[in-house]
Amino acid sequence: MCVGIPARVRRANGLRAQCESRNGPCMVDLSLTGPLAPNTWVLTFLGVAREVIDEARARDIESALASLDAIAHGESGLDAYFADLVDREPELPTHLRENITQ
């Protein structure tokens, strides 16, 4: 399984950026996104920015990652990590909904 990590661009120089993620400072390759301005959020995997995301999406992903950490450490009461899913069914992304036949 691939797990993307949100990171915020702190400084960028062409297609390389110094970013900050949950794991601390990191250098990120911007070849797939193009040059980005400071404070832009990206979803990274293996040191490469895979897509530009907004801050709300970054928070949701960070919360999901924190819940995985909590589960790995035997914690319970995980609803706070999934506030966007409590009291509703998860929805498929639009591009997947279009492919479902009734």
Protein backbone atom coordinates (compact mmCIF):
# COMPACT_ATOMS: atom_id res chain seq x y z
CA MET A 1 0.00 0.00 0.00
CA CYS A 2 1.22 3.49 -0.84
CA VAL A 3 0.67 6.18 1.76
CA GLY A 4 0.95 9.81 0.73
CA ILE A 5 2.22 12.32 3.27
CA PRO A 6 1.03 15.95 3.18
CA ALA A 7 3.83 18.50 3.19
CA ARG A 8 3.88 22.30 3.10
CA VAL A 9 6.33 24.06 0.82
CA ARG A 10 8.60 26.37 2.83
CA ARG A 11 11.08 27.38 0.11
CA ALA A 12 11.24 26.38 -3.53
CA ASN A 13 13.91 26.61 -6.17
CA GLY A 14 12.64 25.47 -9.54
CA LEU A 15 11.62 21.83 -9.25
CA ARG A 16 13.03 21.28 -5.75
CA ALA A 17 11.39 22.44 -2.54
CA GLN A 18 12.24 22.45 1.12
CA CYS A 19 9.04 21.28 2.79
CA GLU A 20 7.72 20.52 6.27
CA SER A 21 5.76 17.33 6.93
CA ARG A 22 4.68 15.28 9.92
CA ASN A 23 8.14 13.70 9.77
CA GLY A 24 9.96 17.05 9.88
CA PRO A 25 11.83 18.95 7.17
CA CYS A 26 12.19 17.23 3.80
CA MET A 27 13.35 17.94 0.27
CA VAL A 28 10.64 17.30 -2.31
CA ASP A 29 10.90 16.86 -6.08
CA LEU A 30 8.31 19.04 -7.86
CA SER A 31 8.70 17.47 -11.32
CA LEU A 32 5.08 16.25 -11.35
CA THR A 33 3.54 19.50 -10.11
CA GLY A 34 5.82 22.15 -11.52
CA PRO A 35 7.25 25.04 -9.48
CA LEU A 36 5.18 26.01 -6.43
CA ALA A 37 4.91 29.00 -4.14
CA PRO A 38 5.74 28.86 -0.42
CA ASN A 39 2.88 27.64 1.82
CA THR A 40 1.43 25.44 -0.93
CA TRP A 41 0.38 21.99 0.32
CA VAL A 42 1.37 18.88 -1.63
CA LEU A 43 0.76 15.17 -1.21
CA THR A 44 4.14 13.43 -1.32
CA PHE A 45 5.29 9.86 -1.78
CA LEU A 46 8.93 8.79 -1.76
CA GLY A 47 10.13 12.39 -1.84
CA VAL A 48 8.04 13.43 -4.85
CA ALA A 49 5.05 15.81 -4.81
CA ARG A 50 2.30 13.79 -6.49
CA GLU A 51 -0.40 16.47 -6.39
CA VAL A 52 -1.22 19.90 -5.01
CA ILE A 53 -3.83 19.73 -2.23
CA ASP A 54 -5.55 22.35 -0.12
CA GLU A 55 -5.03 22.78 3.61
CA ALA A 56 -8.35 21.11 4.48
CA ARG A 57 -7.39 17.98 2.53
CA ALA A 58 -3.97 18.01 4.21
CA ARG A 59 -5.67 18.13 7.64
CA ASP A 60 -7.98 15.22 6.73
CA ILE A 61 -5.04 13.09 5.59
CA GLU A 62 -3.00 14.02 8.67
CA SER A 63 -5.94 13.00 10.86
CA ALA A 64 -6.22 9.64 9.09
CA LEU A 65 -2.47 9.06 9.50
CA ALA A 66 -2.69 9.97 13.19
CA SER A 67 -5.48 7.42 13.59
CA LEU A 68 -3.25 4.72 12.07
CA ASP A 69 -0.57 5.64 14.61
CA ALA A 70 -3.17 5.45 17.40
CA ILE A 71 -4.40 2.04 16.23
CA ALA A 72 -0.82 0.77 16.02
CA HIS A 73 -0.35 1.81 19.66
CA GLY A 74 -3.57 0.08 20.82
CA GLU A 75 -5.66 3.19 21.34
CA SER A 76 -9.44 3.20 20.96
CA GLY A 77 -12.09 5.91 20.60
CA LEU A 78 -11.00 6.89 17.12
CA ASP A 79 -14.07 8.94 16.06
CA ALA A 80 -12.22 12.21 16.58
CA TYR A 81 -9.78 11.22 13.83
CA PHE A 82 -12.61 10.68 11.36
CA ALA A 83 -14.92 13.59 12.16
CA ASP A 84 -15.73 13.97 8.46
CA LEU A 85 -17.12 10.39 8.37
CA VAL A 86 -18.99 10.18 11.67
CA ASP A 87 -22.77 9.97 11.17
CA ARG A 88 -22.57 9.44 7.41
CA GLU A 89 -21.55 6.85 4.87
CA PRO A 90 -18.29 7.44 3.02
CA GLU A 91 -18.74 8.47 -0.64
CA LEU A 92 -16.83 7.25 -3.64
CA PRO A 93 -14.89 9.88 -5.58
CA THR A 94 -16.74 11.23 -8.62
CA HIS A 95 -14.51 9.42 -11.12
CA LEU A 96 -15.40 6.07 -9.48
CA ARG A 97 -19.12 6.82 -9.07
CA GLU A 98 -19.40 7.35 -12.82
CA ASN A 99 -18.23 3.76 -13.44
CA ILE A 100 -20.79 2.03 -11.22
CA THR A 101 -23.65 0.28 -13.00
CA GLN A 102 -26.94 -0.07 -11.20
